[in-house]
Amino acid sequence: MPDPSATSGGSPRGARRRRRHLLIATGSIATAALLALLFPGPLRERISLATAYVALGLLAVTLSLGPLNVLSGRPNPVSFDLRRDFGIWSAVLGVAHTAIGLTVHFTGRMQLYFLAPPDAHSVLGLRADPFGAANHAGLVAALLLLALATISNDLSLRALGTTRWRSLQRWAYLLLVVTIAHGVLYQLLEKQRLVLVFSFIVVVFTVITIQLAGRHRFLAERRRG
């Protein structure tokens, strides 16, 4: 658990976090800008797609850091700054992707991303087609990113207590599931190029493999202990 006494902005910890945030932000924005230049299509679509892939990469790093600690035999605290900082920027890019993506289609009629038009299949008025399912999954992912980023701090950890805070952080697994669902559906709907499909599969496969390997190692060590 991070030392609450070291949370001052003027502390060495604060200085390290500022440098790390600057590096992550610079790298993320530069990567998104480069991808947006390389992708074909209208600018808004390219930015939406670029921020989606960068956010996915940052989320993969965030979810892999804990299991990698376990696999390498390093201490794995309940919460640590490196994971928090990558998670925060995953939320920033993920929410940016959501905000931009909601302006790509249906100019002036954003509700059609979620609400069914008269000629579409619906459930309680919500779109029930693959396009609607992709958008509902994306919205849930964005809300989970915001919620998890909001409690990724020492104040929330102290206020909630370790057990409750950890249980809330486990919503990250649901976040991974809905992010994968959102990504898979949009890959199919937009018939993405093979290189993008392959990149998506590699990132998802890698993070799931690391998660499972870390879980296996953790349970094996607990049985031995």
C-alpha atoms as a PDB file:
ATOM      1  CA  MET A   1       0.000   0.000   0.000  1.00  0.00           C
ATOM      2  CA  PRO A   2       1.389   3.476  -0.802  1.00  0.00           C
ATOM      3  CA  ASP A   3       2.589   5.500   2.156  1.00  0.00           C
ATOM      4  CA  PRO A   4      -0.068   8.191   2.787  1.00  0.00           C
ATOM      5  CA  SER A   5       2.584  10.429   4.327  1.00  0.00           C
ATOM      6  CA  ALA A   6       4.331  10.626   0.963  1.00  0.00           C
ATOM      7  CA  THR A   7       1.405  12.062  -0.985  1.00  0.00           C
ATOM      8  CA  SER A   8       2.435  15.723  -0.882  1.00  0.00           C
ATOM      9  CA  GLY A   9       2.899  17.314  -4.268  1.00  0.00           C
ATOM     10  CA  GLY A  10       6.318  18.563  -3.103  1.00  0.00           C
ATOM     11  CA  SER A  11       7.546  15.120  -1.994  1.00  0.00           C
ATOM     12  CA  PRO A  12       9.919  12.910  -3.993  1.00  0.00           C
ATOM     13  CA  ARG A  13       6.955  10.669  -4.695  1.00  0.00           C
ATOM     14  CA  GLY A  14       4.989  13.622  -6.041  1.00  0.00           C
ATOM     15  CA  ALA A  15       7.863  14.648  -8.290  1.00  0.00           C
ATOM     16  CA  ARG A  16       8.202  11.099  -9.631  1.00  0.00           C
ATOM     17  CA  ARG A  17       4.507  10.933 -10.397  1.00  0.00           C
ATOM     18  CA  ARG A  18       4.550  14.273 -12.210  1.00  0.00           C
ATOM     19  CA  ARG A  19       7.417  13.094 -14.393  1.00  0.00           C
ATOM     20  CA  ARG A  20       5.671   9.786 -15.039  1.00  0.00           C
ATOM     21  CA  HIS A  21       2.387  11.486 -15.937  1.00  0.00           C
ATOM     22  CA  LEU A  22       4.250  13.758 -18.341  1.00  0.00           C
ATOM     23  CA  LEU A  23       5.937  10.778 -19.993  1.00  0.00           C
ATOM     24  CA  ILE A  24       2.735   8.736 -20.260  1.00  0.00           C
ATOM     25  CA  ALA A  25       0.734  11.706 -21.533  1.00  0.00           C
ATOM     26  CA  THR A  26       3.366  12.685 -24.078  1.00  0.00           C
ATOM     27  CA  GLY A  27       3.802   9.118 -25.302  1.00  0.00           C
ATOM     28  CA  SER A  28       0.058   8.476 -25.474  1.00  0.00           C
ATOM     29  CA  ILE A  29      -0.801  11.680 -27.324  1.00  0.00           C
ATOM     30  CA  ALA A  30       2.136  11.301 -29.711  1.00  0.00           C
ATOM     31  CA  THR A  31       1.182   7.690 -30.468  1.00  0.00           C
ATOM     32  CA  ALA A  32      -2.468   8.623 -31.014  1.00  0.00           C
ATOM     33  CA  ALA A  33      -1.442  11.484 -33.306  1.00  0.00           C
ATOM     34  CA  LEU A  34       0.830   9.204 -35.328  1.00  0.00           C
ATOM     35  CA  LEU A  35      -1.874   6.557 -35.685  1.00  0.00           C
ATOM     36  CA  ALA A  36      -4.398   9.200 -36.713  1.00  0.00           C
ATOM     37  CA  LEU A  37      -2.030  10.299 -39.476  1.00  0.00           C
ATOM     38  CA  LEU A  38      -1.504   6.716 -40.666  1.00  0.00           C
ATOM     39  CA  PHE A  39      -5.140   5.600 -40.650  1.00  0.00           C
ATOM     40  CA  PRO A  40      -7.272   6.301 -43.725  1.00  0.00           C
ATOM     41  CA  GLY A  41     -10.634   8.036 -43.679  1.00  0.00           C
ATOM     42  CA  PRO A  42     -12.134  11.256 -42.304  1.00  0.00           C
ATOM     43  CA  LEU A  43     -10.149  12.948 -39.544  1.00  0.00           C
ATOM     44  CA  ARG A  44     -12.775  12.427 -36.837  1.00  0.00           C
ATOM     45  CA  GLU A  45     -12.909   8.692 -37.501  1.00  0.00           C
ATOM     46  CA  ARG A  46      -9.123   8.441 -37.493  1.00  0.00           C
ATOM     47  CA  ILE A  47      -8.845  10.232 -34.153  1.00  0.00           C
ATOM     48  CA  SER A  48     -11.579   8.050 -32.657  1.00  0.00           C
ATOM     49  CA  LEU A  49      -9.816   4.887 -33.806  1.00  0.00           C
ATOM     50  CA  ALA A  50      -6.374   6.104 -32.717  1.00  0.00           C
ATOM     51  CA  THR A  51      -7.504   7.016 -29.203  1.00  0.00           C
ATOM     52  CA  ALA A  52      -9.285   3.649 -28.941  1.00  0.00           C
ATOM     53  CA  TYR A  53      -6.118   1.669 -29.641  1.00  0.00           C
ATOM     54  CA  VAL A  54      -3.941   3.784 -27.363  1.00  0.00           C
ATOM     55  CA  ALA A  55      -6.499   3.496 -24.550  1.00  0.00           C
ATOM     56  CA  LEU A  56      -6.580  -0.280 -25.063  1.00  0.00           C
ATOM     57  CA  GLY A  57      -2.798  -0.449 -24.840  1.00  0.00           C
ATOM     58  CA  LEU A  58      -2.740   1.605 -21.645  1.00  0.00           C
ATOM     59  CA  LEU A  59      -5.474  -0.573 -20.137  1.00  0.00           C
ATOM     60  CA  ALA A  60      -3.478  -3.682 -21.038  1.00  0.00           C
ATOM     61  CA  VAL A  61      -0.429  -2.277 -19.241  1.00  0.00           C
ATOM     62  CA  THR A  62      -2.548  -1.329 -16.220  1.00  0.00           C
ATOM     63  CA  LEU A  63      -4.055  -4.800 -15.901  1.00  0.00           C
ATOM     64  CA  SER A  64      -0.721  -6.560 -16.462  1.00  0.00           C
ATOM     65  CA  LEU A  65       1.427  -4.791 -13.868  1.00  0.00           C
ATOM     66  CA  GLY A  66       0.043  -6.625 -10.836  1.00  0.00           C
ATOM     67  CA  PRO A  67       0.280 -10.124 -12.350  1.00  0.00           C
ATOM     68  CA  LEU A  68       3.795  -9.340 -13.631  1.00  0.00           C
ATOM     69  CA  ASN A  69       4.826  -8.480 -10.071  1.00  0.00           C
ATOM     70  CA  VAL A  70       3.507 -11.851  -8.934  1.00  0.00           C
ATOM     71  CA  LEU A  71       5.224 -13.720 -11.759  1.00  0.00           C
ATOM     72  CA  SER A  72       8.555 -12.019 -11.113  1.00  0.00           C
ATOM     73  CA  GLY A  73       8.408 -12.544  -7.347  1.00  0.00           C
ATOM     74  CA  ARG A  74       8.298  -8.826  -6.600  1.00  0.00           C
ATOM     75  CA  PRO A  75       6.033  -7.374  -3.896  1.00  0.00           C
ATOM     76  CA  ASN A  76       2.545  -6.707  -5.209  1.00  0.00           C
ATOM     77  CA  PRO A  77       0.882  -4.097  -2.978  1.00  0.00           C
ATOM     78  CA  VAL A  78      -2.854  -3.511  -2.944  1.00  0.00           C
ATOM     79  CA  SER A  79      -2.282  -0.277  -4.840  1.00  0.00           C
ATOM     80  CA  PHE A  80       0.802   1.307  -6.349  1.00  0.00           C
ATOM     81  CA  ASP A  81       1.441   4.489  -8.278  1.00  0.00           C
ATOM     82  CA  LEU A  82       2.675   2.991 -11.545  1.00  0.00           C
ATOM     83  CA  ARG A  83      -0.565   1.063 -12.041  1.00  0.00           C
ATOM     84  CA  ARG A  84      -2.630   4.052 -10.961  1.00  0.00           C
ATOM     85  CA  ASP A  85      -0.931   6.389 -13.408  1.00  0.00           C
ATOM     86  CA  PHE A  86      -1.316   4.113 -16.410  1.00  0.00           C
ATOM     87  CA  GLY A  87      -4.931   3.530 -15.383  1.00  0.00           C
ATOM     88  CA  ILE A  88      -5.626   7.256 -15.207  1.00  0.00           C
ATOM     89  CA  TRP A  89      -4.340   7.826 -18.732  1.00  0.00           C
ATOM     90  CA  SER A  90      -6.222   4.790 -19.978  1.00  0.00           C
ATOM     91  CA  ALA A  91      -9.360   6.502 -18.654  1.00  0.00           C
ATOM     92  CA  VAL A  92      -8.411   9.830 -20.252  1.00  0.00           C
ATOM     93  CA  LEU A  93      -7.868   8.287 -23.687  1.00  0.00           C
ATOM     94  CA  GLY A  94     -10.845   5.938 -23.322  1.00  0.00           C
ATOM     95  CA  VAL A  95     -13.227   8.765 -22.475  1.00  0.00           C
ATOM     96  CA  ALA A  96     -11.740  10.867 -25.290  1.00  0.00           C
ATOM     97  CA  HIS A  97     -12.406   7.979 -27.680  1.00  0.00           C
ATOM     98  CA  THR A  98     -16.000   7.736 -26.461  1.00  0.00           C
ATOM     99  CA  ALA A  99     -16.626  11.475 -26.781  1.00  0.00           C
ATOM    100  CA  ILE A 100     -15.153  11.661 -30.283  1.00  0.00           C
ATOM    101  CA  GLY A 101     -16.712   8.393 -31.418  1.00  0.00           C
ATOM    102  CA  LEU A 102     -20.184   9.647 -30.523  1.00  0.00           C
ATOM    103  CA  THR A 103     -19.796  12.411 -33.122  1.00  0.00           C
ATOM    104  CA  VAL A 104     -18.737  10.190 -36.035  1.00  0.00           C
ATOM    105  CA  HIS A 105     -22.239   9.069 -37.071  1.00  0.00           C
ATOM    106  CA  PHE A 106     -25.743  10.553 -36.830  1.00  0.00           C
ATOM    107  CA  THR A 107     -24.743  14.225 -36.693  1.00  0.00           C
ATOM    108  CA  GLY A 108     -27.169  15.949 -34.350  1.00  0.00           C
ATOM    109  CA  ARG A 109     -28.860  12.647 -33.433  1.00  0.00           C
ATOM    110  CA  MET A 110     -26.458  11.103 -30.923  1.00  0.00           C
ATOM    111  CA  GLN A 111     -29.307   9.216 -29.257  1.00  0.00           C
ATOM    112  CA  LEU A 112     -29.362   6.816 -32.218  1.00  0.00           C
ATOM    113  CA  TYR A 113     -26.174   5.226 -30.926  1.00  0.00           C
ATOM    114  CA  PHE A 114     -28.244   3.814 -28.064  1.00  0.00           C
ATOM    115  CA  LEU A 115     -31.963   4.255 -28.813  1.00  0.00           C
ATOM    116  CA  ALA A 116     -33.578   2.233 -31.560  1.00  0.00           C
ATOM    117  CA  PRO A 117     -34.991   3.996 -34.617  1.00  0.00           C
ATOM    118  CA  PRO A 118     -38.522   2.912 -35.610  1.00  0.00           C
ATOM    119  CA  ASP A 119     -37.296   0.322 -38.122  1.00  0.00           C
ATOM    120  CA  ALA A 120     -34.730  -1.364 -35.837  1.00  0.00           C
ATOM    121  CA  HIS A 121     -35.049  -4.178 -33.319  1.00  0.00           C
ATOM    122  CA  SER A 122     -35.197  -2.904 -29.762  1.00  0.00           C
ATOM    123  CA  VAL A 123     -35.456  -3.994 -26.152  1.00  0.00           C
ATOM    124  CA  LEU A 124     -37.211  -1.446 -23.923  1.00  0.00           C
ATOM    125  CA  GLY A 125     -36.496   1.154 -26.563  1.00  0.00           C
ATOM    126  CA  LEU A 126     -32.755   0.435 -26.671  1.00  0.00           C
ATOM    127  CA  ARG A 127     -30.966  -0.694 -29.814  1.00  0.00           C
ATOM    128  CA  ALA A 128     -30.638  -4.482 -29.765  1.00  0.00           C
ATOM    129  CA  ASP A 129     -28.650  -4.858 -32.976  1.00  0.00           C
ATOM    130  CA  PRO A 130     -24.844  -5.398 -33.051  1.00  0.00           C
ATOM    131  CA  PHE A 131     -24.282  -1.659 -33.499  1.00  0.00           C
ATOM    132  CA  GLY A 132     -26.312  -0.896 -30.395  1.00  0.00           C
ATOM    133  CA  ALA A 133     -24.622  -3.669 -28.405  1.00  0.00           C
ATOM    134  CA  ALA A 134     -21.202  -2.295 -29.367  1.00  0.00           C
ATOM    135  CA  ASN A 135     -22.165   1.189 -28.209  1.00  0.00           C
ATOM    136  CA  HIS A 136     -23.745   0.018 -24.952  1.00  0.00           C
ATOM    137  CA  ALA A 137     -20.590  -1.967 -24.175  1.00  0.00           C
ATOM    138  CA  GLY A 138     -18.451   1.066 -24.985  1.00  0.00           C
ATOM    139  CA  LEU A 139     -20.519   3.311 -22.737  1.00  0.00           C
ATOM    140  CA  VAL A 140     -20.256   0.845 -19.836  1.00  0.00           C
ATOM    141  CA  ALA A 141     -16.492   0.670 -20.402  1.00  0.00           C
ATOM    142  CA  ALA A 142     -16.170   4.465 -20.333  1.00  0.00           C
ATOM    143  CA  LEU A 143     -18.188   4.716 -17.103  1.00  0.00           C
ATOM    144  CA  LEU A 144     -16.109   1.975 -15.466  1.00  0.00           C
ATOM    145  CA  LEU A 145     -12.891   3.703 -16.528  1.00  0.00           C
ATOM    146  CA  LEU A 146     -14.077   6.925 -14.925  1.00  0.00           C
ATOM    147  CA  ALA A 147     -15.215   5.188 -11.735  1.00  0.00           C
ATOM    148  CA  LEU A 148     -11.978   3.240 -11.313  1.00  0.00           C
ATOM    149  CA  ALA A 149      -9.830   6.287 -12.041  1.00  0.00           C
ATOM    150  CA  THR A 150     -11.831   8.297  -9.489  1.00  0.00           C
ATOM    151  CA  ILE A 151     -11.012   5.899  -6.637  1.00  0.00           C
ATOM    152  CA  SER A 152      -7.381   5.303  -7.651  1.00  0.00           C
ATOM    153  CA  ASN A 153      -5.912   7.504  -4.935  1.00  0.00           C
ATOM    154  CA  ASP A 154      -4.789   7.312  -1.319  1.00  0.00           C
ATOM    155  CA  LEU A 155      -7.815   9.254  -0.052  1.00  0.00           C
ATOM    156  CA  SER A 156     -10.268   6.718  -1.481  1.00  0.00           C
ATOM    157  CA  LEU A 157      -8.164   3.830  -0.234  1.00  0.00           C
ATOM    158  CA  ARG A 158      -8.194   5.209   3.326  1.00  0.00           C
ATOM    159  CA  ALA A 159     -11.889   6.134   3.225  1.00  0.00           C
ATOM    160  CA  LEU A 160     -13.088   2.813   1.815  1.00  0.00           C
ATOM    161  CA  GLY A 161     -10.655   0.515   3.582  1.00  0.00           C
ATOM    162  CA  THR A 162      -8.511  -2.095   1.876  1.00  0.00           C
ATOM    163  CA  THR A 163     -11.182  -4.807   1.560  1.00  0.00           C
ATOM    164  CA  ARG A 164     -13.920  -2.621   0.102  1.00  0.00           C
ATOM    165  CA  TRP A 165     -11.500  -0.710  -2.122  1.00  0.00           C
ATOM    166  CA  ARG A 166     -10.082  -3.929  -3.519  1.00  0.00           C
ATOM    167  CA  SER A 167     -13.569  -5.306  -4.208  1.00  0.00           C
ATOM    168  CA  LEU A 168     -14.422  -2.163  -6.174  1.00  0.00           C
ATOM    169  CA  GLN A 169     -11.190  -2.407  -8.137  1.00  0.00           C
ATOM    170  CA  ARG A 170     -12.211  -5.900  -9.259  1.00  0.00           C
ATOM    171  CA  TRP A 171     -14.686  -4.178 -11.565  1.00  0.00           C
ATOM    172  CA  ALA A 172     -11.598  -3.852 -13.769  1.00  0.00           C
ATOM    173  CA  TYR A 173     -12.277  -7.427 -14.895  1.00  0.00           C
ATOM    174  CA  LEU A 174     -15.749  -6.420 -16.101  1.00  0.00           C
ATOM    175  CA  LEU A 175     -14.090  -3.434 -17.762  1.00  0.00           C
ATOM    176  CA  LEU A 176     -11.835  -5.808 -19.681  1.00  0.00           C
ATOM    177  CA  VAL A 177     -14.801  -7.957 -20.756  1.00  0.00           C
ATOM    178  CA  VAL A 178     -16.929  -5.067 -22.049  1.00  0.00           C
ATOM    179  CA  THR A 179     -13.898  -3.469 -23.713  1.00  0.00           C
ATOM    180  CA  ILE A 180     -13.220  -6.700 -25.582  1.00  0.00           C
ATOM    181  CA  ALA A 181     -16.904  -6.979 -26.552  1.00  0.00           C
ATOM    182  CA  HIS A 182     -16.937  -3.376 -27.782  1.00  0.00           C
ATOM    183  CA  GLY A 183     -13.744  -3.914 -29.762  1.00  0.00           C
ATOM    184  CA  VAL A 184     -14.800  -7.215 -31.328  1.00  0.00           C
ATOM    185  CA  LEU A 185     -18.178  -5.860 -32.429  1.00  0.00           C
ATOM    186  CA  TYR A 186     -16.678  -2.752 -33.995  1.00  0.00           C
ATOM    187  CA  GLN A 187     -13.970  -4.808 -35.717  1.00  0.00           C
ATOM    188  CA  LEU A 188     -16.776  -6.775 -37.367  1.00  0.00           C
ATOM    189  CA  LEU A 189     -19.094  -3.844 -38.048  1.00  0.00           C
ATOM    190  CA  GLU A 190     -16.406  -1.687 -39.641  1.00  0.00           C
ATOM    191  CA  LYS A 191     -14.587  -4.590 -41.329  1.00  0.00           C
ATOM    192  CA  GLN A 192     -11.265  -3.308 -40.065  1.00  0.00           C
ATOM    193  CA  ARG A 193      -8.037  -3.982 -41.875  1.00  0.00           C
ATOM    194  CA  LEU A 194      -6.190  -7.155 -40.981  1.00  0.00           C
ATOM    195  CA  VAL A 195      -3.326  -5.328 -39.260  1.00  0.00           C
ATOM    196  CA  LEU A 196      -5.748  -3.663 -36.833  1.00  0.00           C
ATOM    197  CA  VAL A 197      -7.615  -6.891 -36.154  1.00  0.00           C
ATOM    198  CA  PHE A 198      -4.306  -8.670 -35.540  1.00  0.00           C
ATOM    199  CA  SER A 199      -3.106  -5.893 -33.209  1.00  0.00           C
ATOM    200  CA  PHE A 200      -6.338  -6.079 -31.220  1.00  0.00           C
ATOM    201  CA  ILE A 201      -6.077  -9.860 -30.894  1.00  0.00           C
ATOM    202  CA  VAL A 202      -2.429  -9.699 -29.792  1.00  0.00           C
ATOM    203  CA  VAL A 203      -3.121  -7.107 -27.086  1.00  0.00           C
ATOM    204  CA  VAL A 204      -6.169  -8.951 -25.746  1.00  0.00           C
ATOM    205  CA  PHE A 205      -4.463 -12.345 -25.855  1.00  0.00           C
ATOM    206  CA  THR A 206      -1.396 -10.968 -24.080  1.00  0.00           C
ATOM    207  CA  VAL A 207      -3.255  -9.336 -21.213  1.00  0.00           C
ATOM    208  CA  ILE A 208      -5.499 -12.378 -20.655  1.00  0.00           C
ATOM    209  CA  THR A 209      -2.484 -14.704 -20.688  1.00  0.00           C
ATOM    210  CA  ILE A 210      -0.616 -12.546 -18.167  1.00  0.00           C
ATOM    211  CA  GLN A 211      -3.705 -12.342 -15.954  1.00  0.00           C
ATOM    212  CA  LEU A 212      -4.211 -16.112 -15.981  1.00  0.00           C
ATOM    213  CA  ALA A 213      -0.522 -16.835 -15.403  1.00  0.00           C
ATOM    214  CA  GLY A 214      -0.401 -14.401 -12.493  1.00  0.00           C
ATOM    215  CA  ARG A 215      -3.538 -15.896 -10.984  1.00  0.00           C
ATOM    216  CA  HIS A 216      -2.127 -19.412 -11.314  1.00  0.00           C
ATOM    217  CA  ARG A 217       1.144 -18.374  -9.635  1.00  0.00           C
ATOM    218  CA  PHE A 218      -0.716 -16.559  -6.848  1.00  0.00           C
ATOM    219  CA  LEU A 219      -2.913 -19.568  -6.062  1.00  0.00           C
ATOM    220  CA  ALA A 220       0.078 -21.936  -6.192  1.00  0.00           C
ATOM    221  CA  GLU A 221       2.020 -19.795  -3.729  1.00  0.00           C
ATOM    222  CA  ARG A 222      -0.961 -19.525  -1.409  1.00  0.00           C
ATOM    223  CA  ARG A 223      -1.358 -23.306  -1.379  1.00  0.00           C
ATOM    224  CA  ARG A 224       2.332 -23.716  -0.540  1.00  0.00           C
ATOM    225  CA  GLY A 225       2.077 -21.091   2.179  1.00  0.00           C
END
